[in-house]
Amino acid sequence: MSNCVFIASDKPLPEVRPSQDYPLHINVDTGILFDGGADDNFSLLDFGEVGLYCNKKYGVFLELPQYTDGRARQIMDYIQSALLQTDCVEIWNVWLLGYWEYDERPYIRKSAIRMEELTTGVMKEIISAENWDNNDNNRPSFYCLEITG
């Protein structure tokens, strides 16, 4: 089980991959991660399980070595482009689950903004939201940010 950030829509979403391969160096002793630092060093890949988490039909999950404002701006451009095809796009931050009992259902924390209000700070908040930040250790929090044009 792990954390997953994905973008969901009623219209198909294209995949995005980095323009080239970038190095990934992890220094375990210092905890420092170096990923090349390029703004296009992230992927948006088909997420076929989108229907398990929301009412949208299409989704792409975010594969991001680490957050940067430059990468967030590129993802924001991607969302703005998607909004040309549909009225609303959702960004979800979930804990991947296959099945949960009634008492283990996740808390859904949903908010909505217009595209003009979307900032790199808002992107950082949704991408790095902590799924297990509540007092109930049996139920994760799922975060959804609905973005309209």
N, C-alpha and C. Protein backbone atom coordinates (compact mmCIF):
# COMPACT_ATOMS: atom_id res chain seq x y z
N MET A 1 0.84 -1.17 0.00
CA MET A 1 0.00 0.00 0.00
C MET A 1 0.89 1.24 0.00
N SER A 2 0.43 2.27 -0.70
CA SER A 2 1.22 3.49 -0.76
C SER A 2 0.37 4.66 -1.17
N ASN A 3 0.98 5.82 -1.11
CA ASN A 3 0.35 7.07 -1.49
C ASN A 3 0.31 7.21 -3.01
N CYS A 4 -0.77 7.82 -3.53
CA CYS A 4 -0.89 8.05 -4.97
C CYS A 4 -1.57 9.40 -5.19
N VAL A 5 -0.99 10.21 -6.06
CA VAL A 5 -1.61 11.47 -6.48
C VAL A 5 -2.00 11.29 -7.94
N PHE A 6 -3.29 11.58 -8.24
CA PHE A 6 -3.72 11.45 -9.62
C PHE A 6 -4.65 12.59 -10.01
N ILE A 7 -4.76 12.80 -11.31
CA ILE A 7 -5.65 13.79 -11.89
C ILE A 7 -6.76 13.02 -12.58
N ALA A 8 -8.01 13.43 -12.34
CA ALA A 8 -9.17 12.72 -12.89
C ALA A 8 -10.02 13.68 -13.71
N SER A 9 -10.66 13.12 -14.75
CA SER A 9 -11.48 13.92 -15.66
C SER A 9 -12.54 13.05 -16.31
N ASP A 10 -13.55 13.71 -16.88
CA ASP A 10 -14.56 13.00 -17.65
C ASP A 10 -14.11 12.77 -19.10
N LYS A 11 -13.04 13.43 -19.49
CA LYS A 11 -12.49 13.28 -20.84
C LYS A 11 -11.11 12.63 -20.73
N PRO A 12 -10.69 11.91 -21.77
CA PRO A 12 -9.37 11.26 -21.74
C PRO A 12 -8.25 12.26 -21.46
N LEU A 13 -7.29 11.82 -20.69
CA LEU A 13 -6.13 12.64 -20.34
C LEU A 13 -4.88 12.01 -20.96
N PRO A 14 -4.08 12.79 -21.69
CA PRO A 14 -2.87 12.23 -22.30
C PRO A 14 -1.79 11.97 -21.26
N GLU A 15 -0.98 10.97 -21.53
CA GLU A 15 0.17 10.69 -20.67
C GLU A 15 1.27 11.72 -20.96
N VAL A 16 2.11 11.95 -19.96
CA VAL A 16 3.25 12.85 -20.10
C VAL A 16 4.46 12.13 -19.53
N ARG A 17 5.57 12.20 -20.26
CA ARG A 17 6.82 11.59 -19.81
C ARG A 17 7.94 12.61 -19.97
N PRO A 18 9.00 12.49 -19.18
CA PRO A 18 10.13 13.42 -19.32
C PRO A 18 10.72 13.37 -20.73
N SER A 19 11.28 14.50 -21.16
CA SER A 19 11.86 14.57 -22.50
C SER A 19 13.15 13.76 -22.61
N GLN A 20 13.78 13.44 -21.48
CA GLN A 20 15.00 12.64 -21.48
C GLN A 20 15.12 11.92 -20.14
N ASP A 21 16.06 11.00 -20.06
CA ASP A 21 16.33 10.33 -18.78
C ASP A 21 17.18 11.24 -17.91
N TYR A 22 16.83 11.30 -16.65
CA TYR A 22 17.57 12.12 -15.70
C TYR A 22 18.17 11.23 -14.62
N PRO A 23 19.30 11.66 -14.06
CA PRO A 23 19.91 10.86 -12.98
C PRO A 23 19.06 10.92 -11.72
N LEU A 24 19.14 9.88 -10.93
CA LEU A 24 18.50 9.87 -9.62
C LEU A 24 19.53 9.34 -8.63
N HIS A 25 20.02 10.25 -7.80
CA HIS A 25 21.04 9.90 -6.81
C HIS A 25 20.46 10.11 -5.43
N ILE A 26 20.50 9.08 -4.60
CA ILE A 26 20.00 9.16 -3.23
C ILE A 26 21.15 8.87 -2.29
N ASN A 27 21.44 9.84 -1.42
CA ASN A 27 22.46 9.66 -0.41
C ASN A 27 21.74 9.26 0.88
N VAL A 28 21.78 8.00 1.20
CA VAL A 28 21.08 7.47 2.37
C VAL A 28 21.62 8.08 3.65
N ASP A 29 22.91 8.34 3.71
CA ASP A 29 23.53 8.88 4.93
C ASP A 29 23.03 10.29 5.25
N THR A 30 22.88 11.12 4.21
CA THR A 30 22.46 12.51 4.44
C THR A 30 20.98 12.72 4.17
N GLY A 31 20.33 11.76 3.51
CA GLY A 31 18.92 11.91 3.18
C GLY A 31 18.68 12.87 2.02
N ILE A 32 19.71 13.13 1.23
CA ILE A 32 19.59 14.06 0.11
C ILE A 32 19.28 13.30 -1.17
N LEU A 33 18.30 13.82 -1.91
CA LEU A 33 17.90 13.25 -3.19
C LEU A 33 18.24 14.24 -4.28
N PHE A 34 18.93 13.80 -5.32
CA PHE A 34 19.21 14.64 -6.48
C PHE A 34 18.63 13.95 -7.70
N ASP A 35 17.76 14.68 -8.41
CA ASP A 35 17.07 14.08 -9.55
C ASP A 35 17.29 14.84 -10.85
N GLY A 36 18.32 15.64 -10.91
CA GLY A 36 18.59 16.38 -12.13
C GLY A 36 18.02 17.78 -12.10
N GLY A 37 16.95 17.99 -11.33
CA GLY A 37 16.38 19.32 -11.15
C GLY A 37 15.61 19.89 -12.32
N ALA A 38 15.48 19.18 -13.42
CA ALA A 38 14.77 19.70 -14.58
C ALA A 38 13.27 19.76 -14.31
N ASP A 39 12.61 20.80 -14.81
CA ASP A 39 11.18 20.97 -14.57
C ASP A 39 10.32 19.90 -15.22
N ASP A 40 10.83 19.26 -16.28
CA ASP A 40 10.01 18.23 -16.94
C ASP A 40 10.31 16.83 -16.41
N ASN A 41 10.97 16.73 -15.27
CA ASN A 41 11.32 15.43 -14.72
C ASN A 41 10.19 14.88 -13.85
N PHE A 42 9.07 14.59 -14.48
CA PHE A 42 7.92 13.96 -13.84
C PHE A 42 7.14 13.24 -14.93
N SER A 43 6.26 12.34 -14.52
CA SER A 43 5.41 11.63 -15.47
C SER A 43 3.97 11.68 -15.01
N LEU A 44 3.06 11.68 -15.95
CA LEU A 44 1.64 11.48 -15.71
C LEU A 44 1.26 10.25 -16.53
N LEU A 45 0.96 9.16 -15.85
CA LEU A 45 0.74 7.87 -16.50
C LEU A 45 -0.68 7.38 -16.28
N ASP A 46 -1.19 6.62 -17.23
CA ASP A 46 -2.55 6.13 -17.17
C ASP A 46 -2.86 5.48 -15.82
N PHE A 47 -3.98 5.87 -15.23
CA PHE A 47 -4.41 5.32 -13.94
C PHE A 47 -5.76 4.65 -14.16
N GLY A 48 -5.72 3.37 -14.46
CA GLY A 48 -6.93 2.62 -14.77
C GLY A 48 -7.85 2.39 -13.60
N GLU A 49 -7.37 2.65 -12.37
CA GLU A 49 -8.18 2.40 -11.18
C GLU A 49 -8.91 3.65 -10.70
N VAL A 50 -8.99 4.68 -11.53
CA VAL A 50 -9.58 5.95 -11.13
C VAL A 50 -11.01 5.77 -10.60
N GLY A 51 -11.77 4.85 -11.16
CA GLY A 51 -13.16 4.63 -10.74
C GLY A 51 -13.32 4.09 -9.33
N LEU A 52 -12.27 3.55 -8.75
CA LEU A 52 -12.33 3.08 -7.36
C LEU A 52 -12.34 4.24 -6.37
N TYR A 53 -11.89 5.42 -6.82
CA TYR A 53 -11.70 6.55 -5.91
C TYR A 53 -12.61 7.73 -6.18
N CYS A 54 -13.14 7.84 -7.39
CA CYS A 54 -13.98 9.00 -7.70
C CYS A 54 -14.96 8.64 -8.82
N ASN A 55 -15.78 9.60 -9.19
CA ASN A 55 -16.81 9.38 -10.21
C ASN A 55 -16.35 9.77 -11.61
N LYS A 56 -15.10 10.03 -11.78
CA LYS A 56 -14.57 10.37 -13.10
C LYS A 56 -14.18 9.09 -13.84
N LYS A 57 -14.14 9.20 -15.15
CA LYS A 57 -13.88 8.02 -15.98
C LYS A 57 -12.40 7.84 -16.33
N TYR A 58 -11.66 8.95 -16.40
CA TYR A 58 -10.26 8.90 -16.85
C TYR A 58 -9.34 9.47 -15.78
N GLY A 59 -8.13 8.95 -15.74
CA GLY A 59 -7.17 9.47 -14.78
C GLY A 59 -5.74 9.18 -15.17
N VAL A 60 -4.84 10.03 -14.70
CA VAL A 60 -3.40 9.82 -14.83
C VAL A 60 -2.79 10.03 -13.45
N PHE A 61 -1.86 9.13 -13.08
CA PHE A 61 -1.22 9.30 -11.79
C PHE A 61 0.12 10.00 -11.96
N LEU A 62 0.49 10.74 -10.92
CA LEU A 62 1.69 11.54 -10.94
C LEU A 62 2.86 10.75 -10.39
N GLU A 63 3.90 10.65 -11.19
CA GLU A 63 5.16 10.05 -10.76
C GLU A 63 6.15 11.20 -10.67
N LEU A 64 6.49 11.58 -9.43
CA LEU A 64 7.25 12.79 -9.18
C LEU A 64 8.40 12.49 -8.21
N PRO A 65 9.67 12.60 -8.67
CA PRO A 65 10.78 12.31 -7.77
C PRO A 65 10.74 13.22 -6.53
N GLN A 66 10.52 14.51 -6.75
CA GLN A 66 10.35 15.45 -5.65
C GLN A 66 9.64 16.69 -6.17
N TYR A 67 8.97 17.39 -5.28
CA TYR A 67 8.21 18.58 -5.66
C TYR A 67 9.16 19.74 -5.94
N THR A 68 8.88 20.47 -7.02
CA THR A 68 9.50 21.77 -7.27
C THR A 68 8.41 22.68 -7.83
N ASP A 69 8.56 24.00 -7.64
CA ASP A 69 7.58 24.94 -8.18
C ASP A 69 7.52 24.86 -9.71
N GLY A 70 8.66 24.63 -10.35
CA GLY A 70 8.70 24.53 -11.81
C GLY A 70 7.88 23.34 -12.30
N ARG A 71 8.00 22.21 -11.63
CA ARG A 71 7.20 21.04 -12.00
C ARG A 71 5.73 21.30 -11.73
N ALA A 72 5.44 21.97 -10.62
CA ALA A 72 4.04 22.29 -10.30
C ALA A 72 3.44 23.18 -11.39
N ARG A 73 4.20 24.16 -11.88
CA ARG A 73 3.69 25.04 -12.95
C ARG A 73 3.40 24.24 -14.22
N GLN A 74 4.24 23.27 -14.54
CA GLN A 74 3.99 22.45 -15.73
C GLN A 74 2.74 21.60 -15.54
N ILE A 75 2.52 21.08 -14.35
CA ILE A 75 1.31 20.30 -14.08
C ILE A 75 0.09 21.21 -14.13
N MET A 76 0.23 22.45 -13.67
CA MET A 76 -0.86 23.42 -13.74
C MET A 76 -1.21 23.72 -15.21
N ASP A 77 -0.20 23.85 -16.06
CA ASP A 77 -0.44 24.05 -17.50
C ASP A 77 -1.19 22.85 -18.08
N TYR A 78 -0.82 21.66 -17.66
CA TYR A 78 -1.49 20.43 -18.10
C TYR A 78 -2.97 20.47 -17.69
N ILE A 79 -3.25 20.87 -16.47
CA ILE A 79 -4.63 20.95 -15.97
C ILE A 79 -5.41 22.00 -16.75
N GLN A 80 -4.79 23.15 -17.00
CA GLN A 80 -5.46 24.20 -17.77
C GLN A 80 -5.80 23.70 -19.18
N SER A 81 -4.90 22.95 -19.77
CA SER A 81 -5.17 22.37 -21.09
C SER A 81 -6.33 21.37 -21.01
N ALA A 82 -6.36 20.55 -19.98
CA ALA A 82 -7.45 19.58 -19.81
C ALA A 82 -8.79 20.28 -19.63
N LEU A 83 -8.79 21.45 -19.00
CA LEU A 83 -10.03 22.19 -18.78
C LEU A 83 -10.60 22.79 -20.07
N LEU A 84 -9.86 22.77 -21.14
CA LEU A 84 -10.39 23.18 -22.43
C LEU A 84 -11.36 22.14 -22.98
N GLN A 85 -11.26 20.90 -22.49
CA GLN A 85 -12.08 19.79 -22.96
C GLN A 85 -13.23 19.43 -22.02
N THR A 86 -13.17 19.90 -20.77
CA THR A 86 -14.16 19.51 -19.77
C THR A 86 -14.37 20.65 -18.77
N ASP A 87 -15.46 20.58 -18.03
CA ASP A 87 -15.79 21.64 -17.07
C ASP A 87 -14.99 21.56 -15.78
N CYS A 88 -14.51 20.38 -15.44
CA CYS A 88 -13.90 20.18 -14.14
C CYS A 88 -12.85 19.08 -14.19
N VAL A 89 -11.79 19.29 -13.45
CA VAL A 89 -10.72 18.30 -13.28
C VAL A 89 -10.50 18.17 -11.77
N GLU A 90 -10.20 16.97 -11.32
CA GLU A 90 -9.95 16.76 -9.90
C GLU A 90 -8.52 16.25 -9.70
N ILE A 91 -7.87 16.76 -8.66
CA ILE A 91 -6.58 16.22 -8.22
C ILE A 91 -6.86 15.48 -6.92
N TRP A 92 -6.47 14.23 -6.88
CA TRP A 92 -6.68 13.39 -5.70
C TRP A 92 -5.34 12.98 -5.10
N ASN A 93 -5.28 12.94 -3.80
CA ASN A 93 -4.16 12.36 -3.07
C ASN A 93 -4.77 11.29 -2.18
N VAL A 94 -4.47 10.02 -2.49
CA VAL A 94 -5.11 8.90 -1.80
C VAL A 94 -4.06 7.91 -1.31
N TRP A 95 -4.47 7.05 -0.41
CA TRP A 95 -3.69 5.90 0.01
C TRP A 95 -4.28 4.74 -0.77
N LEU A 96 -3.48 4.07 -1.57
CA LEU A 96 -3.99 2.99 -2.41
C LEU A 96 -4.51 1.85 -1.54
N LEU A 97 -5.74 1.51 -1.76
CA LEU A 97 -6.41 0.44 -1.01
C LEU A 97 -7.12 -0.46 -2.00
N GLY A 98 -7.15 -1.72 -1.72
CA GLY A 98 -7.91 -2.62 -2.57
C GLY A 98 -9.34 -2.76 -2.09
N TYR A 99 -9.52 -2.71 -0.78
CA TYR A 99 -10.82 -2.93 -0.19
C TYR A 99 -10.77 -2.43 1.24
N TRP A 100 -11.87 -1.89 1.73
CA TRP A 100 -11.94 -1.50 3.12
C TRP A 100 -13.33 -1.78 3.67
N GLU A 101 -13.36 -2.08 4.94
CA GLU A 101 -14.61 -2.33 5.65
C GLU A 101 -15.31 -1.00 5.93
N TYR A 102 -16.56 -1.06 6.34
CA TYR A 102 -17.34 0.15 6.62
C TYR A 102 -16.61 1.06 7.61
N ASP A 103 -16.10 0.50 8.69
CA ASP A 103 -15.45 1.31 9.72
C ASP A 103 -14.06 1.78 9.31
N GLU A 104 -13.54 1.29 8.20
CA GLU A 104 -12.20 1.66 7.76
C GLU A 104 -12.23 2.60 6.55
N ARG A 105 -13.43 2.98 6.10
CA ARG A 105 -13.53 3.86 4.94
C ARG A 105 -12.71 5.13 5.17
N PRO A 106 -12.09 5.65 4.13
CA PRO A 106 -11.27 6.85 4.31
C PRO A 106 -12.13 8.10 4.55
N TYR A 107 -11.54 9.06 5.23
CA TYR A 107 -12.15 10.39 5.33
C TYR A 107 -11.88 11.08 4.01
N ILE A 108 -12.90 11.66 3.40
CA ILE A 108 -12.73 12.40 2.15
C ILE A 108 -12.72 13.89 2.47
N ARG A 109 -11.63 14.54 2.17
CA ARG A 109 -11.49 15.97 2.42
C ARG A 109 -11.46 16.66 1.06
N LYS A 110 -12.60 17.26 0.70
CA LYS A 110 -12.79 17.80 -0.65
C LYS A 110 -12.92 19.32 -0.59
N SER A 111 -12.29 19.96 -1.56
CA SER A 111 -12.43 21.41 -1.71
C SER A 111 -12.48 21.73 -3.20
N ALA A 112 -12.90 22.94 -3.51
CA ALA A 112 -13.05 23.34 -4.91
C ALA A 112 -12.51 24.75 -5.11
N ILE A 113 -11.85 24.95 -6.24
CA ILE A 113 -11.35 26.27 -6.61
C ILE A 113 -11.50 26.45 -8.12
N ARG A 114 -11.35 27.69 -8.56
CA ARG A 114 -11.30 27.97 -9.99
C ARG A 114 -9.84 27.94 -10.45
N MET A 115 -9.62 27.70 -11.71
CA MET A 115 -8.26 27.59 -12.25
C MET A 115 -7.43 28.82 -11.92
N GLU A 116 -8.04 30.01 -11.94
CA GLU A 116 -7.31 31.24 -11.64
C GLU A 116 -6.75 31.25 -10.22
N GLU A 117 -7.34 30.47 -9.34
CA GLU A 117 -6.92 30.44 -7.94
C GLU A 117 -5.84 29.38 -7.69
N LEU A 118 -5.58 28.53 -8.65
CA LEU A 118 -4.60 27.47 -8.48
C LEU A 118 -3.19 28.05 -8.51
N THR A 119 -2.44 27.83 -7.44
CA THR A 119 -1.08 28.34 -7.32
C THR A 119 -0.13 27.17 -7.04
N THR A 120 1.17 27.46 -7.12
CA THR A 120 2.14 26.42 -6.78
C THR A 120 2.01 26.03 -5.31
N GLY A 121 1.62 26.97 -4.46
CA GLY A 121 1.42 26.66 -3.05
C GLY A 121 0.28 25.68 -2.84
N VAL A 122 -0.82 25.88 -3.58
CA VAL A 122 -1.96 24.96 -3.51
C VAL A 122 -1.55 23.59 -4.05
N MET A 123 -0.78 23.58 -5.14
CA MET A 123 -0.30 22.31 -5.70
C MET A 123 0.57 21.57 -4.68
N LYS A 124 1.47 22.28 -4.04
CA LYS A 124 2.35 21.65 -3.05
C LYS A 124 1.53 21.06 -1.90
N GLU A 125 0.51 21.78 -1.49
CA GLU A 125 -0.33 21.32 -0.38
C GLU A 125 -1.05 20.02 -0.71
N ILE A 126 -1.64 19.92 -1.91
CA ILE A 126 -2.39 18.70 -2.27
C ILE A 126 -1.43 17.54 -2.55
N ILE A 127 -0.30 17.82 -3.20
CA ILE A 127 0.65 16.76 -3.54
C ILE A 127 1.29 16.17 -2.28
N SER A 128 1.58 17.02 -1.30
CA SER A 128 2.28 16.53 -0.12
C SER A 128 1.37 16.31 1.09
N ALA A 129 0.07 16.30 0.89
CA ALA A 129 -0.86 16.05 2.00
C ALA A 129 -0.59 14.68 2.61
N GLU A 130 -0.70 14.60 3.90
CA GLU A 130 -0.42 13.37 4.65
C GLU A 130 -1.71 12.57 4.81
N ASN A 131 -1.74 11.35 4.29
CA ASN A 131 -2.94 10.52 4.34
C ASN A 131 -3.27 10.00 5.73
N TRP A 132 -2.29 9.94 6.59
CA TRP A 132 -2.51 9.39 7.94
C TRP A 132 -2.34 10.48 8.99
N ASP A 133 -2.89 11.67 8.74
CA ASP A 133 -2.70 12.80 9.64
C ASP A 133 -3.84 12.98 10.65
N ASN A 134 -4.68 12.00 10.80
CA ASN A 134 -5.82 12.14 11.70
C ASN A 134 -5.62 11.28 12.95
N ASN A 135 -6.53 11.40 13.88
CA ASN A 135 -6.42 10.65 15.14
C ASN A 135 -6.82 9.19 14.99
N ASP A 136 -7.46 8.85 13.90
CA ASP A 136 -7.94 7.48 13.68
C ASP A 136 -6.93 6.73 12.82
N ASN A 137 -6.12 5.90 13.43
CA ASN A 137 -5.07 5.19 12.70
C ASN A 137 -5.60 4.12 11.76
N ASN A 138 -6.89 3.81 11.84
CA ASN A 138 -7.48 2.79 10.97
C ASN A 138 -8.05 3.37 9.68
N ARG A 139 -8.19 4.69 9.62
CA ARG A 139 -8.82 5.32 8.46
C ARG A 139 -7.93 6.43 7.89
N PRO A 140 -7.51 6.28 6.65
CA PRO A 140 -6.70 7.35 6.05
C PRO A 140 -7.58 8.51 5.59
N SER A 141 -6.96 9.62 5.31
CA SER A 141 -7.64 10.77 4.70
C SER A 141 -7.32 10.77 3.21
N PHE A 142 -8.34 10.96 2.39
CA PHE A 142 -8.17 11.16 0.96
C PHE A 142 -8.47 12.63 0.70
N TYR A 143 -7.66 13.27 -0.13
CA TYR A 143 -7.84 14.67 -0.43
C TYR A 143 -8.23 14.83 -1.89
N CYS A 144 -9.22 15.67 -2.14
CA CYS A 144 -9.66 15.94 -3.51
C CYS A 144 -9.76 17.45 -3.69
N LEU A 145 -9.11 17.96 -4.73
CA LEU A 145 -9.22 19.35 -5.11
C LEU A 145 -9.90 19.41 -6.47
N GLU A 146 -11.11 19.93 -6.49
CA GLU A 146 -11.87 20.08 -7.73
C GLU A 146 -11.52 21.44 -8.34
N ILE A 147 -11.13 21.42 -9.60
CA ILE A 147 -10.73 22.63 -10.28
C ILE A 147 -11.65 22.87 -11.48
N THR A 148 -12.24 24.05 -11.53
CA THR A 148 -13.11 24.39 -12.65
C THR A 148 -12.49 25.53 -13.45
N GLY A 149 -12.91 25.62 -14.72
CA GLY A 149 -12.34 26.61 -15.63
C GLY A 149 -12.77 28.01 -15.41
